[in-house]
């Protein structure tokens, strides 16, 4: 591991409050690897041998069943995945692959669990992060079960608008095929939903989104902090 990687890992909320001795023991067996795009990092069902820390690039978490695949989340630096499987010493419930060239730190799960048992501040940080992950899952489930596909797309665009600094013109953060999967839609349903948003002041040309009537879009989408604000 490069010395320059260590401060970036140490700054993560998960590791920032643990003791120097515990942190040193945690990263002693860690190593760093650079991966090209579209490389599998973990496979659903495999034992959780490592906790992954994404230092650069991006990765997607996905799951498949009976010949169907769905996108669960996109991971961006600097962040960890998949923590729950590491702590429980259980199988991965999702697979992960790189979207672009990515640099990943791999922390042996046995070392993570040892630090969890011995360092109270680290254990408290893990509980906090797992609680946030749980609340995100609840919000995602509410989004899928309570909203139509058109409402899910509308709220996704409002969140993207805020992520872009409240710009009324911005680019989609993922290609449409992946966006459809993330929103629980087929590509054909996404295309129809995009057309259906035109009367509400939304134009999507390629990857470019233009919002000309935010008031009408919000009237349709009815955004809620209890679903859409992942900081809540």
Protein backbone atom coordinates (compact mmCIF):
# COMPACT_ATOMS: atom_id res chain seq x y z
CA UNK A 1 0.00 0.00 0.00
CA UNK A 2 1.25 3.47 -0.86
CA UNK A 3 1.85 5.74 2.12
CA UNK A 4 -0.35 8.33 0.40
CA UNK A 5 -3.34 5.96 0.55
CA UNK A 6 -3.28 5.63 4.33
CA UNK A 7 -4.44 9.18 5.25
CA UNK A 8 -7.37 8.89 2.83
CA UNK A 9 -8.52 5.69 4.51
CA UNK A 10 -7.94 7.12 7.97
CA UNK A 11 -10.21 10.10 7.17
CA UNK A 12 -13.23 7.90 6.51
CA UNK A 13 -15.83 8.14 9.29
CA UNK A 14 -15.53 4.39 9.76
CA UNK A 15 -11.84 4.61 10.74
CA UNK A 16 -11.31 8.19 11.93
CA UNK A 17 -11.96 7.64 15.67
CA UNK A 18 -10.31 4.25 16.20
CA UNK A 19 -7.02 4.10 18.07
CA UNK A 20 -3.73 4.34 16.21
CA UNK A 21 -2.81 0.83 17.36
CA UNK A 22 -6.07 -0.65 16.10
CA UNK A 23 -5.79 1.16 12.79
CA UNK A 24 -2.20 0.02 12.33
CA UNK A 25 -3.23 -3.57 13.00
CA UNK A 26 -6.12 -3.25 10.56
CA UNK A 27 -4.08 -2.06 7.60
CA UNK A 28 -1.05 -4.25 8.30
CA UNK A 29 -2.49 -7.05 6.18
CA UNK A 30 -4.16 -4.79 3.62
CA UNK A 31 -3.12 -4.40 0.04
CA UNK A 32 -4.02 -2.17 -2.88
CA UNK A 33 -4.87 -3.21 -6.40
CA UNK A 34 -5.70 -1.34 -9.59
CA UNK A 35 -8.53 -2.83 -11.64
CA UNK A 36 -9.54 -2.09 -15.24
CA UNK A 37 -13.22 -1.45 -16.12
CA UNK A 38 -15.80 -4.26 -15.97
CA UNK A 39 -13.81 -6.47 -13.59
CA UNK A 40 -15.69 -8.42 -10.92
CA UNK A 41 -14.52 -7.51 -7.43
CA UNK A 42 -16.84 -9.72 -5.39
CA UNK A 43 -19.37 -12.39 -6.39
CA UNK A 44 -22.78 -12.83 -4.81
CA UNK A 45 -22.82 -15.91 -2.58
CA UNK A 46 -19.05 -16.04 -2.01
CA UNK A 47 -17.63 -15.73 1.54
CA UNK A 48 -16.78 -12.16 2.52
CA UNK A 49 -13.01 -12.41 2.57
CA UNK A 50 -12.30 -8.68 2.40
CA UNK A 51 -13.75 -5.29 3.17
CA UNK A 52 -13.19 -3.15 0.08
CA UNK A 53 -12.28 0.54 0.17
CA UNK A 54 -12.72 2.33 -3.15
CA UNK A 55 -9.97 4.95 -3.47
CA UNK A 56 -10.56 6.08 -7.08
CA UNK A 57 -12.82 5.22 -9.99
CA UNK A 58 -16.30 3.78 -9.43
CA UNK A 59 -18.01 0.45 -8.97
CA UNK A 60 -21.53 -0.89 -9.18
CA UNK A 61 -23.23 -3.29 -6.79
CA UNK A 62 -25.66 -5.64 -8.50
CA UNK A 63 -27.58 -8.85 -7.97
CA UNK A 64 -28.98 -11.52 -10.25
CA UNK A 65 -31.60 -14.25 -10.01
CA UNK A 66 -33.10 -16.63 -12.55
CA UNK A 67 -31.38 -14.98 -15.48
CA UNK A 68 -32.31 -11.45 -14.44
CA UNK A 69 -29.91 -8.79 -13.15
CA UNK A 70 -30.56 -5.56 -11.29
CA UNK A 71 -28.36 -2.64 -10.26
CA UNK A 72 -28.44 -2.06 -6.51
CA UNK A 73 -26.10 0.91 -6.01
CA UNK A 74 -23.17 2.84 -7.43
CA UNK A 75 -20.09 3.27 -5.21
CA UNK A 76 -17.81 6.30 -5.54
CA UNK A 77 -14.58 7.18 -3.70
CA UNK A 78 -13.65 7.28 -0.96
CA UNK A 79 -16.03 4.69 0.50
CA UNK A 80 -16.31 1.09 1.70
CA UNK A 81 -18.32 -1.93 0.57
CA UNK A 82 -19.70 -4.51 1.55
CA UNK A 83 -19.52 -3.97 5.33
CA UNK A 84 -22.41 -6.09 6.65
CA UNK A 85 -21.13 -9.33 5.10
CA UNK A 86 -17.67 -8.68 6.58
CA UNK A 87 -18.99 -8.12 10.12
CA UNK A 88 -21.34 -11.12 10.02
CA UNK A 89 -18.75 -13.37 8.36
CA UNK A 90 -21.47 -14.26 5.88
CA UNK A 91 -21.76 -14.54 2.11
CA UNK A 92 -21.95 -11.48 -0.09
CA UNK A 93 -25.59 -10.68 -0.93
CA UNK A 94 -24.50 -8.61 -3.92
CA UNK A 95 -21.80 -8.74 -6.56
CA UNK A 96 -19.56 -5.80 -7.38
CA UNK A 97 -17.67 -4.80 -10.52
CA UNK A 98 -15.72 -1.78 -11.63
CA UNK A 99 -17.35 0.75 -13.94
CA UNK A 100 -14.08 2.43 -14.82
CA UNK A 101 -10.43 2.00 -13.91
CA UNK A 102 -10.45 1.83 -10.12
CA UNK A 103 -8.04 1.63 -7.23
CA UNK A 104 -9.24 -0.54 -4.35
CA UNK A 105 -7.84 -1.28 -0.89
CA UNK A 106 -8.66 -4.76 0.41
CA UNK A 107 -8.80 -5.20 4.19
CA UNK A 108 -8.95 -8.83 5.38
CA UNK A 109 -12.33 -9.44 7.00
CA UNK A 110 -10.76 -11.31 9.90
CA UNK A 111 -8.72 -8.21 10.79
CA UNK A 112 -11.83 -6.01 10.53
CA UNK A 113 -13.72 -8.29 12.92
CA UNK A 114 -10.80 -8.35 15.35
CA UNK A 115 -10.71 -4.55 15.42
CA UNK A 116 -14.49 -4.49 15.84
CA UNK A 117 -14.22 -6.67 18.95
CA UNK A 118 -11.29 -4.79 20.49
CA UNK A 119 -11.84 -1.11 19.60
CA UNK A 120 -15.00 0.48 20.99
CA UNK A 121 -14.79 3.59 18.82
CA UNK A 122 -14.43 1.47 15.69
CA UNK A 123 -17.39 -0.68 16.78
CA UNK A 124 -19.49 2.43 17.36
CA UNK A 125 -18.58 3.75 13.90
CA UNK A 126 -19.52 0.42 12.30
CA UNK A 127 -22.92 0.43 14.02
CA UNK A 128 -23.49 3.98 12.76
CA UNK A 129 -22.59 3.09 9.19
CA UNK A 130 -24.72 -0.04 9.20
CA UNK A 131 -27.63 2.01 10.55
CA UNK A 132 -27.24 4.45 7.67
CA UNK A 133 -27.15 1.56 5.20
CA UNK A 134 -30.31 0.10 6.72
CA UNK A 135 -32.13 3.42 6.46
CA UNK A 136 -31.02 3.73 2.82
CA UNK A 137 -32.48 0.29 2.10
CA UNK A 138 -35.79 1.32 3.73
CA UNK A 139 -35.92 4.46 1.58
CA UNK A 140 -35.13 2.51 -1.59
CA UNK A 141 -37.88 0.02 -0.74
CA UNK A 142 -40.39 2.81 -0.12
CA UNK A 143 -39.40 4.40 -3.43
CA UNK A 144 -40.00 1.14 -5.31
CA UNK A 145 -43.22 0.14 -3.54
CA UNK A 146 -44.99 3.48 -3.14
CA UNK A 147 -44.19 5.23 -6.42
CA UNK A 148 -44.96 4.62 -10.05
CA UNK A 149 -42.09 4.29 -12.51
CA UNK A 150 -42.78 7.85 -13.71
CA UNK A 151 -42.62 9.19 -10.15
CA UNK A 152 -39.37 7.28 -9.49
CA UNK A 153 -37.76 8.81 -12.57
CA UNK A 154 -39.01 12.30 -11.70
CA UNK A 155 -37.59 12.11 -8.18
CA UNK A 156 -34.30 10.69 -9.46
CA UNK A 157 -33.98 13.71 -11.76
CA UNK A 158 -34.69 16.10 -8.90
CA UNK A 159 -32.01 14.43 -6.78
CA UNK A 160 -29.59 14.63 -9.72
CA UNK A 161 -30.49 18.32 -10.17
CA UNK A 162 -29.56 18.97 -6.52
CA UNK A 163 -26.38 16.88 -6.87
CA UNK A 164 -25.42 19.12 -9.82
CA UNK A 165 -25.61 22.23 -7.65
CA UNK A 166 -29.25 22.96 -8.53
CA UNK A 167 -28.35 23.34 -12.21
CA UNK A 168 -31.31 23.08 -14.58
CA UNK A 169 -29.14 21.40 -17.20
CA UNK A 170 -26.94 18.45 -16.24
CA UNK A 171 -25.81 15.03 -17.41
CA UNK A 172 -27.16 11.71 -16.19
CA UNK A 173 -24.71 10.02 -13.84
CA UNK A 174 -25.17 6.63 -15.51
CA UNK A 175 -26.12 5.25 -18.89
CA UNK A 176 -29.84 4.72 -19.50
CA UNK A 177 -29.66 0.92 -19.39
CA UNK A 178 -28.15 1.05 -15.90
CA UNK A 179 -30.54 3.81 -14.83
CA UNK A 180 -33.53 1.70 -15.84
CA UNK A 181 -32.23 -1.21 -13.78
CA UNK A 182 -31.55 1.04 -10.78
CA UNK A 183 -35.11 2.41 -10.91
CA UNK A 184 -36.67 -1.04 -11.27
CA UNK A 185 -37.73 -0.49 -14.87
CA UNK A 186 -37.08 -2.04 -18.25
CA UNK A 187 -35.25 0.12 -20.84
CA UNK A 188 -38.51 0.32 -22.79
CA UNK A 189 -40.41 1.59 -19.75
CA UNK A 190 -37.69 4.15 -19.12
CA UNK A 191 -38.00 5.45 -22.69
CA UNK A 192 -41.76 5.82 -22.26
CA UNK A 193 -41.31 7.55 -18.90
CA UNK A 194 -38.83 10.01 -20.43
CA UNK A 195 -41.39 10.95 -23.07
CA UNK A 196 -44.13 11.19 -20.45
CA UNK A 197 -42.11 13.80 -18.53
CA UNK A 198 -42.06 16.27 -21.42
CA UNK A 199 -45.35 17.94 -20.42
CA UNK A 200 -43.79 18.54 -17.00
CA UNK A 201 -40.88 20.54 -18.40
CA UNK A 202 -38.24 17.82 -18.77
CA UNK A 203 -36.21 17.11 -21.90
CA UNK A 204 -33.64 14.34 -22.01
CA UNK A 205 -31.45 14.23 -25.11
CA UNK A 206 -28.85 11.49 -24.90
CA UNK A 207 -27.30 11.95 -21.47
CA UNK A 208 -28.24 15.64 -21.17
CA UNK A 209 -31.20 16.61 -18.96
CA UNK A 210 -32.91 20.01 -19.23
CA UNK A 211 -35.57 21.08 -16.75
CA UNK A 212 -37.68 24.04 -17.84
CA UNK A 213 -40.52 23.83 -15.30
CA UNK A 214 -39.34 22.73 -11.88
CA UNK A 215 -42.66 23.62 -10.26
CA UNK A 216 -44.61 21.19 -12.46
CA UNK A 217 -41.95 18.48 -12.01
CA UNK A 218 -42.15 18.77 -8.22
CA UNK A 219 -45.95 18.74 -8.34
CA UNK A 220 -45.73 15.40 -10.12
CA UNK A 221 -42.91 13.86 -8.08
CA UNK A 222 -43.83 15.12 -4.59
CA UNK A 223 -40.28 14.64 -3.20
CA UNK A 224 -40.03 13.55 0.41
CA UNK A 225 -37.05 13.78 2.74
CA UNK A 226 -38.15 10.45 4.26
CA UNK A 227 -37.50 8.78 0.89
CA UNK A 228 -35.17 10.99 -1.12
CA UNK A 229 -32.77 12.53 1.42
CA UNK A 230 -30.12 9.93 2.17
CA UNK A 231 -28.65 12.17 4.88
CA UNK A 232 -31.85 11.94 6.96
